[in-house]
Amino acid sequence: MKSNKLTNQAINNMIGKHVKDVRLSNKKSRNQMGKAININPRTLEENEKGKYKFTLERLFFIADSLGICVTELIPAKLKGRINKNNKTNSDKNI
């Protein structure tokens, strides 16, 4: 039986890939985005690869620099899990 539980690494990977896809669809290079949000392009690359976690603050800076809502940086697969009963897996521990 397949588990529906997401790991932190899986979430980091999904968000990173989606942020990269959104950045590219807005025709922005890592260098351009790095300058816009005041981070090293290499750090952004590590975020997009899922090696580093995106902070909420960084997601807001990215969204602002692209002129989009921060929720557009969250993959649809994760939005569905978050919206389901307004809880995530980690909410069960609270």
PDB file of N, CA and C in Angstrom:
ATOM      1  N   MET A   1       0.839  -1.176   0.000  1.00  0.00           N
ATOM      2  CA  MET A   1       0.000   0.000   0.000  1.00  0.00           C
ATOM      3  C   MET A   1       0.887   1.243   0.000  1.00  0.00           C
ATOM      4  N   LYS A   2       0.575   2.219  -0.840  1.00  0.00           N
ATOM      5  CA  LYS A   2       1.378   3.425  -0.987  1.00  0.00           C
ATOM      6  C   LYS A   2       1.000   4.448   0.085  1.00  0.00           C
ATOM      7  N   SER A   3       2.013   5.029   0.720  1.00  0.00           N
ATOM      8  CA  SER A   3       1.794   6.046   1.743  1.00  0.00           C
ATOM      9  C   SER A   3       1.585   7.403   1.091  1.00  0.00           C
ATOM     10  N   ASN A   4       0.675   8.192   1.640  1.00  0.00           N
ATOM     11  CA  ASN A   4       0.431   9.544   1.148  1.00  0.00           C
ATOM     12  C   ASN A   4       1.239  10.585   1.905  1.00  0.00           C
ATOM     13  N   LYS A   5       2.066  10.135   2.842  1.00  0.00           N
ATOM     14  CA  LYS A   5       2.836  11.054   3.659  1.00  0.00           C
ATOM     15  C   LYS A   5       3.975  11.657   2.849  1.00  0.00           C
ATOM     16  N   LEU A   6       4.077  12.962   2.898  1.00  0.00           N
ATOM     17  CA  LEU A   6       5.161  13.671   2.221  1.00  0.00           C
ATOM     18  C   LEU A   6       6.292  13.910   3.196  1.00  0.00           C
ATOM     19  N   THR A   7       7.501  13.746   2.719  1.00  0.00           N
ATOM     20  CA  THR A   7       8.665  14.059   3.548  1.00  0.00           C
ATOM     21  C   THR A   7       9.041  15.526   3.332  1.00  0.00           C
ATOM     22  N   ASN A   8       9.801  16.069   4.258  1.00  0.00           N
ATOM     23  CA  ASN A   8      10.279  17.440   4.093  1.00  0.00           C
ATOM     24  C   ASN A   8      11.084  17.577   2.812  1.00  0.00           C
ATOM     25  N   GLN A   9      11.899  16.568   2.509  1.00  0.00           N
ATOM     26  CA  GLN A   9      12.710  16.632   1.295  1.00  0.00           C
ATOM     27  C   GLN A   9      11.838  16.632   0.043  1.00  0.00           C
ATOM     28  N   ALA A  10      10.791  15.824   0.045  1.00  0.00           N
ATOM     29  CA  ALA A  10       9.879  15.794  -1.113  1.00  0.00           C
ATOM     30  C   ALA A  10       9.206  17.152  -1.301  1.00  0.00           C
ATOM     31  N   ILE A  11       8.822  17.778  -0.198  1.00  0.00           N
ATOM     32  CA  ILE A  11       8.196  19.103  -0.274  1.00  0.00           C
ATOM     33  C   ILE A  11       9.195  20.119  -0.804  1.00  0.00           C
ATOM     34  N   ASN A  12      10.424  20.102  -0.284  1.00  0.00           N
ATOM     35  CA  ASN A  12      11.465  21.016  -0.770  1.00  0.00           C
ATOM     36  C   ASN A  12      11.696  20.839  -2.264  1.00  0.00           C
ATOM     37  N   ASN A  13      11.756  19.589  -2.716  1.00  0.00           N
ATOM     38  CA  ASN A  13      11.977  19.308  -4.141  1.00  0.00           C
ATOM     39  C   ASN A  13      10.836  19.834  -4.996  1.00  0.00           C
ATOM     40  N   MET A  14       9.592  19.591  -4.562  1.00  0.00           N
ATOM     41  CA  MET A  14       8.429  20.040  -5.342  1.00  0.00           C
ATOM     42  C   MET A  14       8.369  21.560  -5.432  1.00  0.00           C
ATOM     43  N   ILE A  15       8.576  22.230  -4.296  1.00  0.00           N
ATOM     44  CA  ILE A  15       8.534  23.696  -4.306  1.00  0.00           C
ATOM     45  C   ILE A  15       9.674  24.241  -5.144  1.00  0.00           C
ATOM     46  N   GLY A  16      10.872  23.687  -4.988  1.00  0.00           N
ATOM     47  CA  GLY A  16      12.018  24.149  -5.762  1.00  0.00           C
ATOM     48  C   GLY A  16      11.807  24.030  -7.258  1.00  0.00           C
ATOM     49  N   LYS A  17      11.316  22.881  -7.694  1.00  0.00           N
ATOM     50  CA  LYS A  17      11.062  22.676  -9.126  1.00  0.00           C
ATOM     51  C   LYS A  17      10.004  23.641  -9.634  1.00  0.00           C
ATOM     52  N   HIS A  18       8.965  23.836  -8.832  1.00  0.00           N
ATOM     53  CA  HIS A  18       7.881  24.729  -9.257  1.00  0.00           C
ATOM     54  C   HIS A  18       8.362  26.179  -9.328  1.00  0.00           C
ATOM     55  N   VAL A  19       9.139  26.613  -8.340  1.00  0.00           N
ATOM     56  CA  VAL A  19       9.673  27.979  -8.363  1.00  0.00           C
ATOM     57  C   VAL A  19      10.543  28.169  -9.610  1.00  0.00           C
ATOM     58  N   LYS A  20      11.353  27.185  -9.922  1.00  0.00           N
ATOM     59  CA  LYS A  20      12.193  27.266 -11.133  1.00  0.00           C
ATOM     60  C   LYS A  20      11.318  27.373 -12.383  1.00  0.00           C
ATOM     61  N   ASP A  21      10.289  26.539 -12.473  1.00  0.00           N
ATOM     62  CA  ASP A  21       9.394  26.582 -13.630  1.00  0.00           C
ATOM     63  C   ASP A  21       8.718  27.949 -13.762  1.00  0.00           C
ATOM     64  N   VAL A  22       8.270  28.507 -12.647  1.00  0.00           N
ATOM     65  CA  VAL A  22       7.622  29.828 -12.669  1.00  0.00           C
ATOM     66  C   VAL A  22       8.633  30.899 -13.066  1.00  0.00           C
ATOM     67  N   ARG A  23       9.832  30.818 -12.514  1.00  0.00           N
ATOM     68  CA  ARG A  23      10.883  31.784 -12.862  1.00  0.00           C
ATOM     69  C   ARG A  23      11.176  31.742 -14.353  1.00  0.00           C
ATOM     70  N   LEU A  24      11.340  30.534 -14.889  1.00  0.00           N
ATOM     71  CA  LEU A  24      11.639  30.391 -16.317  1.00  0.00           C
ATOM     72  C   LEU A  24      10.474  30.842 -17.191  1.00  0.00           C
ATOM     73  N   SER A  25       9.253  30.572 -16.762  1.00  0.00           N
ATOM     74  CA  SER A  25       8.095  31.003 -17.550  1.00  0.00           C
ATOM     75  C   SER A  25       7.981  32.533 -17.564  1.00  0.00           C
ATOM     76  N   ASN A  26       8.592  33.172 -16.573  1.00  0.00           N
ATOM     77  CA  ASN A  26       8.641  34.633 -16.537  1.00  0.00           C
ATOM     78  C   ASN A  26       9.930  35.175 -17.160  1.00  0.00           C
ATOM     79  N   LYS A  27      10.671  34.272 -17.818  1.00  0.00           N
ATOM     80  CA  LYS A  27      11.885  34.620 -18.558  1.00  0.00           C
ATOM     81  C   LYS A  27      12.925  35.348 -17.692  1.00  0.00           C
ATOM     82  N   LYS A  28      13.115  34.829 -16.481  1.00  0.00           N
ATOM     83  CA  LYS A  28      14.106  35.389 -15.572  1.00  0.00           C
ATOM     84  C   LYS A  28      15.221  34.376 -15.356  1.00  0.00           C
ATOM     85  N   SER A  29      16.454  34.840 -15.451  1.00  0.00           N
ATOM     86  CA  SER A  29      17.593  33.970 -15.162  1.00  0.00           C
ATOM     87  C   SER A  29      17.816  33.940 -13.651  1.00  0.00           C
ATOM     88  N   ARG A  30      18.616  32.995 -13.209  1.00  0.00           N
ATOM     89  CA  ARG A  30      18.964  32.966 -11.776  1.00  0.00           C
ATOM     90  C   ARG A  30      19.712  34.234 -11.382  1.00  0.00           C
ATOM     91  N   ASN A  31      20.563  34.712 -12.280  1.00  0.00           N
ATOM     92  CA  ASN A  31      21.295  35.947 -11.992  1.00  0.00           C
ATOM     93  C   ASN A  31      20.339  37.120 -11.811  1.00  0.00           C
ATOM     94  N   GLN A  32      19.385  37.249 -12.712  1.00  0.00           N
ATOM     95  CA  GLN A  32      18.408  38.332 -12.608  1.00  0.00           C
ATOM     96  C   GLN A  32      17.600  38.228 -11.318  1.00  0.00           C
ATOM     97  N   MET A  33      17.150  37.028 -11.016  1.00  0.00           N
ATOM     98  CA  MET A  33      16.337  36.827  -9.819  1.00  0.00           C
ATOM     99  C   MET A  33      17.172  37.067  -8.569  1.00  0.00           C
ATOM    100  N   GLY A  34      18.403  36.576  -8.565  1.00  0.00           N
ATOM    101  CA  GLY A  34      19.286  36.790  -7.422  1.00  0.00           C
ATOM    102  C   GLY A  34      19.477  38.275  -7.124  1.00  0.00           C
ATOM    103  N   LYS A  35      19.718  39.055  -8.179  1.00  0.00           N
ATOM    104  CA  LYS A  35      19.879  40.506  -7.998  1.00  0.00           C
ATOM    105  C   LYS A  35      18.585  41.132  -7.487  1.00  0.00           C
ATOM    106  N   ALA A  36      17.463  40.685  -8.032  1.00  0.00           N
ATOM    107  CA  ALA A  36      16.170  41.267  -7.648  1.00  0.00           C
ATOM    108  C   ALA A  36      15.830  41.017  -6.183  1.00  0.00           C
ATOM    109  N   ILE A  37      16.240  39.860  -5.652  1.00  0.00           N
ATOM    110  CA  ILE A  37      15.880  39.535  -4.263  1.00  0.00           C
ATOM    111  C   ILE A  37      17.088  39.546  -3.334  1.00  0.00           C
ATOM    112  N   ASN A  38      18.223  40.023  -3.865  1.00  0.00           N
ATOM    113  CA  ASN A  38      19.439  40.210  -3.078  1.00  0.00           C
ATOM    114  C   ASN A  38      19.993  38.918  -2.468  1.00  0.00           C
ATOM    115  N   ILE A  39      20.078  37.876  -3.303  1.00  0.00           N
ATOM    116  CA  ILE A  39      20.755  36.643  -2.879  1.00  0.00           C
ATOM    117  C   ILE A  39      21.692  36.192  -3.990  1.00  0.00           C
ATOM    118  N   ASN A  40      22.632  35.345  -3.646  1.00  0.00           N
ATOM    119  CA  ASN A  40      23.552  34.774  -4.600  1.00  0.00           C
ATOM    120  C   ASN A  40      22.773  33.819  -5.515  1.00  0.00           C
ATOM    121  N   PRO A  41      22.991  33.894  -6.829  1.00  0.00           N
ATOM    122  CA  PRO A  41      22.300  32.976  -7.741  1.00  0.00           C
ATOM    123  C   PRO A  41      22.536  31.500  -7.393  1.00  0.00           C
ATOM    124  N   ARG A  42      23.696  31.201  -6.852  1.00  0.00           N
ATOM    125  CA  ARG A  42      24.004  29.811  -6.448  1.00  0.00           C
ATOM    126  C   ARG A  42      23.065  29.365  -5.317  1.00  0.00           C
ATOM    127  N   THR A  43      22.751  30.267  -4.394  1.00  0.00           N
ATOM    128  CA  THR A  43      21.814  29.948  -3.317  1.00  0.00           C
ATOM    129  C   THR A  43      20.435  29.651  -3.890  1.00  0.00           C
ATOM    130  N   LEU A  44      20.016  30.461  -4.864  1.00  0.00           N
ATOM    131  CA  LEU A  44      18.731  30.221  -5.515  1.00  0.00           C
ATOM    132  C   LEU A  44      18.739  28.861  -6.206  1.00  0.00           C
ATOM    133  N   GLU A  45      19.846  28.528  -6.845  1.00  0.00           N
ATOM    134  CA  GLU A  45      19.965  27.221  -7.503  1.00  0.00           C
ATOM    135  C   GLU A  45      19.798  26.088  -6.487  1.00  0.00           C
ATOM    136  N   GLU A  46      20.436  26.222  -5.339  1.00  0.00           N
ATOM    137  CA  GLU A  46      20.319  25.195  -4.297  1.00  0.00           C
ATOM    138  C   GLU A  46      18.883  25.103  -3.776  1.00  0.00           C
ATOM    139  N   ASN A  47      18.208  26.248  -3.666  1.00  0.00           N
ATOM    140  CA  ASN A  47      16.791  26.238  -3.293  1.00  0.00           C
ATOM    141  C   ASN A  47      15.970  25.477  -4.327  1.00  0.00           C
ATOM    142  N   GLU A  48      16.198  25.799  -5.591  1.00  0.00           N
ATOM    143  CA  GLU A  48      15.414  25.186  -6.661  1.00  0.00           C
ATOM    144  C   GLU A  48      15.666  23.686  -6.779  1.00  0.00           C
ATOM    145  N   LYS A  49      16.836  23.243  -6.390  1.00  0.00           N
ATOM    146  CA  LYS A  49      17.148  21.811  -6.425  1.00  0.00           C
ATOM    147  C   LYS A  49      16.635  21.080  -5.189  1.00  0.00           C
ATOM    148  N   GLY A  50      16.104  21.832  -4.224  1.00  0.00           N
ATOM    149  CA  GLY A  50      15.588  21.212  -3.008  1.00  0.00           C
ATOM    150  C   GLY A  50      16.638  20.951  -1.954  1.00  0.00           C
ATOM    151  N   LYS A  51      17.857  21.431  -2.190  1.00  0.00           N
ATOM    152  CA  LYS A  51      18.940  21.214  -1.216  1.00  0.00           C
ATOM    153  C   LYS A  51      18.791  22.130  -0.011  1.00  0.00           C
ATOM    154  N   TYR A  52      18.328  23.356  -0.267  1.00  0.00           N
ATOM    155  CA  TYR A  52      18.039  24.304   0.804  1.00  0.00           C
ATOM    156  C   TYR A  52      16.536  24.549   0.809  1.00  0.00           C
ATOM    157  N   LYS A  53      16.001  24.730   2.001  1.00  0.00           N
ATOM    158  CA  LYS A  53      14.584  25.051   2.134  1.00  0.00           C
ATOM    159  C   LYS A  53      14.340  26.510   1.770  1.00  0.00           C
ATOM    160  N   PHE A  54      13.236  26.767   1.074  1.00  0.00           N
ATOM    161  CA  PHE A  54      12.819  28.149   0.851  1.00  0.00           C
ATOM    162  C   PHE A  54      12.227  28.671   2.152  1.00  0.00           C
ATOM    163  N   THR A  55      12.630  29.865   2.545  1.00  0.00           N
ATOM    164  CA  THR A  55      11.952  30.499   3.669  1.00  0.00           C
ATOM    165  C   THR A  55      10.701  31.176   3.121  1.00  0.00           C
ATOM    166  N   LEU A  56       9.750  31.386   3.991  1.00  0.00           N
ATOM    167  CA  LEU A  56       8.540  32.085   3.570  1.00  0.00           C
ATOM    168  C   LEU A  56       8.896  33.486   3.080  1.00  0.00           C
ATOM    169  N   GLU A  57       9.823  34.109   3.769  1.00  0.00           N
ATOM    170  CA  GLU A  57      10.279  35.446   3.375  1.00  0.00           C
ATOM    171  C   GLU A  57      10.830  35.433   1.948  1.00  0.00           C
ATOM    172  N   ARG A  58      11.671  34.445   1.642  1.00  0.00           N
ATOM    173  CA  ARG A  58      12.251  34.367   0.296  1.00  0.00           C
ATOM    174  C   ARG A  58      11.169  34.139  -0.752  1.00  0.00           C
ATOM    175  N   LEU A  59      10.191  33.295  -0.449  1.00  0.00           N
ATOM    176  CA  LEU A  59       9.091  33.069  -1.398  1.00  0.00           C
ATOM    177  C   LEU A  59       8.327  34.365  -1.665  1.00  0.00           C
ATOM    178  N   PHE A  60       8.113  35.165  -0.620  1.00  0.00           N
ATOM    179  CA  PHE A  60       7.433  36.449  -0.811  1.00  0.00           C
ATOM    180  C   PHE A  60       8.278  37.386  -1.678  1.00  0.00           C
ATOM    181  N   PHE A  61       9.597  37.425  -1.460  1.00  0.00           N
ATOM    182  CA  PHE A  61      10.467  38.273  -2.276  1.00  0.00           C
ATOM    183  C   PHE A  61      10.438  37.843  -3.741  1.00  0.00           C
ATOM    184  N   ILE A  62      10.486  36.535  -3.969  1.00  0.00           N
ATOM    185  CA  ILE A  62      10.440  36.019  -5.344  1.00  0.00           C
ATOM    186  C   ILE A  62       9.117  36.392  -5.998  1.00  0.00           C
ATOM    187  N   ALA A  63       8.023  36.137  -5.293  1.00  0.00           N
ATOM    188  CA  ALA A  63       6.697  36.459  -5.845  1.00  0.00           C
ATOM    189  C   ALA A  63       6.602  37.944  -6.165  1.00  0.00           C
ATOM    190  N   ASP A  64       7.055  38.782  -5.245  1.00  0.00           N
ATOM    191  CA  ASP A  64       7.000  40.224  -5.449  1.00  0.00           C
ATOM    192  C   ASP A  64       7.812  40.636  -6.668  1.00  0.00           C
ATOM    193  N   SER A  65       9.002  40.061  -6.815  1.00  0.00           N
ATOM    194  CA  SER A  65       9.859  40.439  -7.947  1.00  0.00           C
ATOM    195  C   SER A  65       9.269  39.978  -9.279  1.00  0.00           C
ATOM    196  N   LEU A  66       8.448  38.931  -9.249  1.00  0.00           N
ATOM    197  CA  LEU A  66       7.795  38.444 -10.471  1.00  0.00           C
ATOM    198  C   LEU A  66       6.425  39.076 -10.688  1.00  0.00           C
ATOM    199  N   GLY A  67       5.950  39.824  -9.694  1.00  0.00           N
ATOM    200  CA  GLY A  67       4.635  40.464  -9.813  1.00  0.00           C
ATOM    201  C   GLY A  67       3.491  39.468  -9.705  1.00  0.00           C
ATOM    202  N   ILE A  68       3.688  38.412  -8.900  1.00  0.00           N
ATOM    203  CA  ILE A  68       2.653  37.397  -8.733  1.00  0.00           C
ATOM    204  C   ILE A  68       2.339  37.221  -7.247  1.00  0.00           C
ATOM    205  N   CYS A  69       1.275  36.504  -6.967  1.00  0.00           N
ATOM    206  CA  CYS A  69       0.908  36.172  -5.589  1.00  0.00           C
ATOM    207  C   CYS A  69       1.785  35.013  -5.120  1.00  0.00           C
ATOM    208  N   VAL A  70       2.180  35.042  -3.862  1.00  0.00           N
ATOM    209  CA  VAL A  70       3.059  34.005  -3.323  1.00  0.00           C
ATOM    210  C   VAL A  70       2.440  32.610  -3.473  1.00  0.00           C
ATOM    211  N   THR A  71       1.135  32.504  -3.455  1.00  0.00           N
ATOM    212  CA  THR A  71       0.500  31.188  -3.595  1.00  0.00           C
ATOM    213  C   THR A  71       0.759  30.561  -4.961  1.00  0.00           C
ATOM    214  N   GLU A  72       1.126  31.379  -5.936  1.00  0.00           N
ATOM    215  CA  GLU A  72       1.446  30.845  -7.264  1.00  0.00           C
ATOM    216  C   GLU A  72       2.780  30.104  -7.271  1.00  0.00           C
ATOM    217  N   LEU A  73       3.545  30.234  -6.196  1.00  0.00           N
ATOM    218  CA  LEU A  73       4.824  29.524  -6.098  1.00  0.00           C
ATOM    219  C   LEU A  73       4.681  28.172  -5.414  1.00  0.00           C
ATOM    220  N   ILE A  74       3.470  27.844  -4.988  1.00  0.00           N
ATOM    221  CA  ILE A  74       3.206  26.557  -4.349  1.00  0.00           C
ATOM    222  C   ILE A  74       2.601  25.625  -5.396  1.00  0.00           C
ATOM    223  N   PRO A  75       3.200  24.450  -5.614  1.00  0.00           N
ATOM    224  CA  PRO A  75       2.664  23.522  -6.613  1.00  0.00           C
ATOM    225  C   PRO A  75       1.238  23.091  -6.271  1.00  0.00           C
ATOM    226  N   ALA A  76       0.435  22.873  -7.298  1.00  0.00           N
ATOM    227  CA  ALA A  76      -0.963  22.481  -7.109  1.00  0.00           C
ATOM    228  C   ALA A  76      -1.091  21.235  -6.238  1.00  0.00           C
ATOM    229  N   LYS A  77      -0.174  20.296  -6.391  1.00  0.00           N
ATOM    230  CA  LYS A  77      -0.229  19.056  -5.603  1.00  0.00           C
ATOM    231  C   LYS A  77      -0.150  19.355  -4.106  1.00  0.00           C
ATOM    232  N   LEU A  78       0.655  20.349  -3.740  1.00  0.00           N
ATOM    233  CA  LEU A  78       0.769  20.717  -2.333  1.00  0.00           C
ATOM    234  C   LEU A  78      -0.403  21.565  -1.875  1.00  0.00           C
ATOM    235  N   LYS A  79      -0.906  22.419  -2.745  1.00  0.00           N
ATOM    236  CA  LYS A  79      -2.064  23.245  -2.380  1.00  0.00           C
ATOM    237  C   LYS A  79      -3.236  22.367  -1.980  1.00  0.00           C
ATOM    238  N   GLY A  80      -3.440  21.289  -2.716  1.00  0.00           N
ATOM    239  CA  GLY A  80      -4.537  20.379  -2.409  1.00  0.00           C
ATOM    240  C   GLY A  80      -4.375  19.742  -1.050  1.00  0.00           C
ATOM    241  N   ARG A  81      -3.161  19.414  -0.682  1.00  0.00           N
ATOM    242  CA  ARG A  81      -2.904  18.789   0.627  1.00  0.00           C
ATOM    243  C   ARG A  81      -3.069  19.792   1.752  1.00  0.00           C
ATOM    244  N   ILE A  82      -2.680  21.034   1.502  1.00  0.00           N
ATOM    245  CA  ILE A  82      -2.794  22.062   2.529  1.00  0.00           C
ATOM    246  C   ILE A  82      -4.262  22.428   2.743  1.00  0.00           C
ATOM    247  N   ASN A  83      -5.000  22.541   1.646  1.00  0.00           N
ATOM    248  CA  ASN A  83      -6.398  22.954   1.752  1.00  0.00           C
ATOM    249  C   ASN A  83      -7.313  21.860   2.285  1.00  0.00           C
ATOM    250  N   LYS A  84      -6.904  20.619   2.171  1.00  0.00           N
ATOM    251  CA  LYS A  84      -7.736  19.512   2.625  1.00  0.00           C
ATOM    252  C   LYS A  84      -7.918  19.610   4.140  1.00  0.00           C
ATOM    253  N   ASN A  85      -9.103  19.915   4.549  1.00  0.00           N
ATOM    254  CA  ASN A  85      -9.440  20.097   5.955  1.00  0.00           C
ATOM    255  C   ASN A  85      -8.606  21.186   6.631  1.00  0.00           C
ATOM    256  N   ASN A  86      -8.004  22.081   5.837  1.00  0.00           N
ATOM    257  CA  ASN A  86      -7.158  23.152   6.365  1.00  0.00           C
ATOM    258  C   ASN A  86      -6.036  22.638   7.249  1.00  0.00           C
ATOM    259  N   LYS A  87      -5.542  21.431   6.977  1.00  0.00           N
ATOM    260  CA  LYS A  87      -4.469  20.845   7.773  1.00  0.00           C
ATOM    261  C   LYS A  87      -3.417  20.243   6.873  1.00  0.00           C
ATOM    262  N   THR A  88      -2.186  20.282   7.342  1.00  0.00           N
ATOM    263  CA  THR A  88      -1.110  19.563   6.689  1.00  0.00           C
ATOM    264  C   THR A  88      -0.755  18.400   7.589  1.00  0.00           C
ATOM    265  N   ASN A  89       0.106  17.529   7.147  1.00  0.00           N
ATOM    266  CA  ASN A  89       0.537  16.416   7.983  1.00  0.00           C
ATOM    267  C   ASN A  89       1.115  16.889   9.315  1.00  0.00           C
ATOM    268  N   SER A  90       1.846  18.005   9.286  1.00  0.00           N
ATOM    269  CA  SER A  90       2.481  18.489  10.513  1.00  0.00           C
ATOM    270  C   SER A  90       1.462  19.073  11.496  1.00  0.00           C
ATOM    271  N   ASP A  91       0.274  19.483  11.014  1.00  0.00           N
ATOM    272  CA  ASP A  91      -0.754  20.022  11.905  1.00  0.00           C
ATOM    273  C   ASP A  91      -1.266  18.974  12.868  1.00  0.00           C
ATOM    274  N   LYS A  92      -1.141  17.725  12.519  1.00  0.00           N
ATOM    275  CA  LYS A  92      -1.653  16.651  13.368  1.00  0.00           C
ATOM    276  C   LYS A  92      -0.871  16.553  14.671  1.00  0.00           C
ATOM    277  N   ASN A  93       0.350  17.104  14.665  1.00  0.00           N
ATOM    278  CA  ASN A  93       1.188  17.039  15.857  1.00  0.00           C
ATOM    279  C   ASN A  93       0.955  18.195  16.821  1.00  0.00           C
ATOM    280  N   ILE A  94       0.136  19.135  16.443  1.00  0.00           N
ATOM    281  CA  ILE A  94      -0.097  20.319  17.273  1.00  0.00           C
ATOM    282  C   ILE A  94      -1.176  20.037  18.307  1.00  0.00           C
TER     283      ILE A  94
END
